[in-house]
Amino acid sequence: QVQLVESGGGLVQPGGSLRLSCAISGISSFTYMAWYRQTPGKERESVAALTSGGTPTYHVAVKGRFAISRDYAKNSVNLQMNSLKPDDTAVYYCSVLTDPNSYWGQGTQVTVSA
């Protein structure tokens, strides 16, 4: 059974940092792993992705501030978020794309506010 469980969200002040983690079980290979975010009334958008070859890509709004990484020992994918802004406030989801399926976590809330 495939499970993706996010953790690490919370409330942080502007300029602060958070580290999100997505624990993955039931998946042995993948095409890419990614973090998405969504705010009310808007479509879900990809903020960072990691190919199976290890190449990261980032949304222009987070480039230079966020970093996606994979922890092989814990079988997780992480998102380090620095210099957070109020516009980063959203529910963050991790996703894993295999062939032919995609899987999603339940989401974790990130709120950036003074």
C-alpha atoms as a PDB file:
ATOM      1  CA  GLN A   1       0.000   0.000   0.000  1.00  0.00           C
ATOM      2  CA  VAL A   2       1.373   3.374  -1.025  1.00  0.00           C
ATOM      3  CA  GLN A   3       1.480   6.124   1.602  1.00  0.00           C
ATOM      4  CA  LEU A   4       2.845   9.656   1.508  1.00  0.00           C
ATOM      5  CA  VAL A   5       2.778  11.477   4.841  1.00  0.00           C
ATOM      6  CA  GLU A   6       3.848  15.116   5.077  1.00  0.00           C
ATOM      7  CA  SER A   7       5.081  16.825   8.217  1.00  0.00           C
ATOM      8  CA  GLY A   8       6.825  20.005   9.266  1.00  0.00           C
ATOM      9  CA  GLY A   9       4.261  22.649   8.452  1.00  0.00           C
ATOM     10  CA  GLY A  10       3.298  25.408  10.842  1.00  0.00           C
ATOM     11  CA  LEU A  11       3.281  29.114  11.546  1.00  0.00           C
ATOM     12  CA  VAL A  12       6.424  31.110  10.881  1.00  0.00           C
ATOM     13  CA  GLN A  13       7.259  34.800  10.699  1.00  0.00           C
ATOM     14  CA  PRO A  14       8.305  36.419   7.426  1.00  0.00           C
ATOM     15  CA  GLY A  15      11.969  35.746   6.787  1.00  0.00           C
ATOM     16  CA  GLY A  16      11.883  32.524   8.747  1.00  0.00           C
ATOM     17  CA  SER A  17      12.484  28.935   7.689  1.00  0.00           C
ATOM     18  CA  LEU A  18      10.631  25.636   7.719  1.00  0.00           C
ATOM     19  CA  ARG A  19      11.565  22.165   6.608  1.00  0.00           C
ATOM     20  CA  LEU A  20       8.853  19.932   5.215  1.00  0.00           C
ATOM     21  CA  SER A  21       9.283  16.192   5.041  1.00  0.00           C
ATOM     22  CA  CYS A  22       7.308  13.570   3.144  1.00  0.00           C
ATOM     23  CA  ALA A  23       7.683   9.996   4.302  1.00  0.00           C
ATOM     24  CA  ILE A  24       7.107   7.568   1.432  1.00  0.00           C
ATOM     25  CA  SER A  25       6.181   3.909   1.713  1.00  0.00           C
ATOM     26  CA  GLY A  26       5.138   1.341  -0.851  1.00  0.00           C
ATOM     27  CA  ILE A  27       7.050   2.854  -3.783  1.00  0.00           C
ATOM     28  CA  SER A  28      10.284   1.332  -5.036  1.00  0.00           C
ATOM     29  CA  SER A  29      10.939   3.487  -8.127  1.00  0.00           C
ATOM     30  CA  PHE A  30       9.667   6.780  -9.458  1.00  0.00           C
ATOM     31  CA  THR A  31       9.816   9.207 -12.354  1.00  0.00           C
ATOM     32  CA  TYR A  32       9.847  12.302 -10.205  1.00  0.00           C
ATOM     33  CA  MET A  33       9.013  13.561  -6.745  1.00  0.00           C
ATOM     34  CA  ALA A  34       7.580  16.997  -6.237  1.00  0.00           C
ATOM     35  CA  TRP A  35       6.169  19.471  -3.775  1.00  0.00           C
ATOM     36  CA  TYR A  36       3.050  21.411  -4.713  1.00  0.00           C
ATOM     37  CA  ARG A  37       1.101  24.092  -2.931  1.00  0.00           C
ATOM     38  CA  GLN A  38      -2.434  25.370  -3.072  1.00  0.00           C
ATOM     39  CA  THR A  39      -4.316  28.334  -1.663  1.00  0.00           C
ATOM     40  CA  PRO A  40      -8.119  28.768  -1.615  1.00  0.00           C
ATOM     41  CA  GLY A  41      -9.517  29.634  -5.024  1.00  0.00           C
ATOM     42  CA  LYS A  42      -6.294  28.885  -6.871  1.00  0.00           C
ATOM     43  CA  GLU A  43      -5.019  25.883  -8.746  1.00  0.00           C
ATOM     44  CA  ARG A  44      -2.420  23.653  -7.207  1.00  0.00           C
ATOM     45  CA  GLU A  45       1.045  24.647  -8.424  1.00  0.00           C
ATOM     46  CA  SER A  46       4.347  22.843  -8.448  1.00  0.00           C
ATOM     47  CA  VAL A  47       7.023  24.587  -6.405  1.00  0.00           C
ATOM     48  CA  ALA A  48       9.862  22.066  -6.600  1.00  0.00           C
ATOM     49  CA  ALA A  49      10.499  18.746  -8.295  1.00  0.00           C
ATOM     50  CA  LEU A  50      13.233  16.152  -8.327  1.00  0.00           C
ATOM     51  CA  THR A  51      13.748  13.693 -11.174  1.00  0.00           C
ATOM     52  CA  SER A  52      14.849  10.126 -10.601  1.00  0.00           C
ATOM     53  CA  GLY A  53      18.249  11.226 -11.886  1.00  0.00           C
ATOM     54  CA  GLY A  54      18.496  13.811  -9.118  1.00  0.00           C
ATOM     55  CA  THR A  55      17.919  16.991 -11.124  1.00  0.00           C
ATOM     56  CA  PRO A  56      15.929  19.620  -9.191  1.00  0.00           C
ATOM     57  CA  THR A  57      13.630  22.208 -10.748  1.00  0.00           C
ATOM     58  CA  TYR A  58      11.902  25.121  -9.048  1.00  0.00           C
ATOM     59  CA  HIS A  59       9.069  27.539  -9.582  1.00  0.00           C
ATOM     60  CA  VAL A  60      10.474  30.973 -10.312  1.00  0.00           C
ATOM     61  CA  ALA A  61       8.796  32.347  -7.181  1.00  0.00           C
ATOM     62  CA  VAL A  62      10.816  30.092  -4.868  1.00  0.00           C
ATOM     63  CA  LYS A  63      14.081  29.670  -6.748  1.00  0.00           C
ATOM     64  CA  GLY A  64      17.001  30.530  -4.509  1.00  0.00           C
ATOM     65  CA  ARG A  65      14.897  30.199  -1.354  1.00  0.00           C
ATOM     66  CA  PHE A  66      13.612  26.608  -1.428  1.00  0.00           C
ATOM     67  CA  ALA A  67      15.586  23.401  -1.836  1.00  0.00           C
ATOM     68  CA  ILE A  68      14.217  19.935  -2.545  1.00  0.00           C
ATOM     69  CA  SER A  69      16.180  16.878  -1.509  1.00  0.00           C
ATOM     70  CA  ARG A  70      15.777  13.164  -1.079  1.00  0.00           C
ATOM     71  CA  ASP A  71      16.730  11.252   2.054  1.00  0.00           C
ATOM     72  CA  TYR A  72      17.475   7.724   0.874  1.00  0.00           C
ATOM     73  CA  ALA A  73      17.913   6.333   4.374  1.00  0.00           C
ATOM     74  CA  LYS A  74      14.463   7.524   5.476  1.00  0.00           C
ATOM     75  CA  ASN A  75      12.856   7.133   2.038  1.00  0.00           C
ATOM     76  CA  SER A  76      11.570  10.662   2.184  1.00  0.00           C
ATOM     77  CA  VAL A  77      11.597  13.821   0.115  1.00  0.00           C
ATOM     78  CA  ASN A  78      12.211  17.101   1.894  1.00  0.00           C
ATOM     79  CA  LEU A  79      11.624  20.756   1.155  1.00  0.00           C
ATOM     80  CA  GLN A  80      13.809  23.286   2.923  1.00  0.00           C
ATOM     81  CA  MET A  81      12.104  26.682   2.791  1.00  0.00           C
ATOM     82  CA  ASN A  82      14.102  29.781   3.679  1.00  0.00           C
ATOM     83  CA  SER A  83      13.354  33.499   3.585  1.00  0.00           C
ATOM     84  CA  LEU A  84       9.664  32.745   3.738  1.00  0.00           C
ATOM     85  CA  LYS A  85       7.168  35.359   2.598  1.00  0.00           C
ATOM     86  CA  PRO A  86       3.450  35.786   3.324  1.00  0.00           C
ATOM     87  CA  ASP A  87       2.795  34.748  -0.301  1.00  0.00           C
ATOM     88  CA  ASP A  88       4.232  31.323   0.542  1.00  0.00           C
ATOM     89  CA  THR A  89       1.238  30.664   2.777  1.00  0.00           C
ATOM     90  CA  ALA A  90      -0.532  27.581   1.432  1.00  0.00           C
ATOM     91  CA  VAL A  91      -1.224  23.913   1.958  1.00  0.00           C
ATOM     92  CA  TYR A  92       1.818  22.019   0.732  1.00  0.00           C
ATOM     93  CA  TYR A  93       1.497  18.558  -0.799  1.00  0.00           C
ATOM     94  CA  CYS A  94       4.114  16.045  -1.796  1.00  0.00           C
ATOM     95  CA  SER A  95       3.593  13.919  -4.860  1.00  0.00           C
ATOM     96  CA  VAL A  96       5.354  10.979  -6.435  1.00  0.00           C
ATOM     97  CA  LEU A  97       4.924  10.064 -10.076  1.00  0.00           C
ATOM     98  CA  THR A  98       5.576   6.511 -11.079  1.00  0.00           C
ATOM     99  CA  ASP A  99       4.673   4.767 -14.302  1.00  0.00           C
ATOM    100  CA  PRO A 100       1.682   4.908 -14.698  1.00  0.00           C
ATOM    101  CA  ASN A 101       0.400   6.284 -11.386  1.00  0.00           C
ATOM    102  CA  SER A 102       0.720   9.420  -9.302  1.00  0.00           C
ATOM    103  CA  TYR A 103       0.346   9.555  -5.553  1.00  0.00           C
ATOM    104  CA  TRP A 104      -0.366  12.424  -3.175  1.00  0.00           C
ATOM    105  CA  GLY A 105      -0.022  13.132   0.494  1.00  0.00           C
ATOM    106  CA  GLN A 106      -2.739  14.700   2.617  1.00  0.00           C
ATOM    107  CA  GLY A 107      -1.071  18.119   2.773  1.00  0.00           C
ATOM    108  CA  THR A 108       0.462  20.239   5.499  1.00  0.00           C
ATOM    109  CA  GLN A 109      -0.413  23.868   6.220  1.00  0.00           C
ATOM    110  CA  VAL A 110       2.294  26.513   6.050  1.00  0.00           C
ATOM    111  CA  THR A 111       1.365  29.974   7.297  1.00  0.00           C
ATOM    112  CA  VAL A 112       3.772  32.886   7.025  1.00  0.00           C
ATOM    113  CA  SER A 113       2.583  35.785   9.122  1.00  0.00           C
ATOM    114  CA  ALA A 114       3.845  38.330  11.597  1.00  0.00           C
END
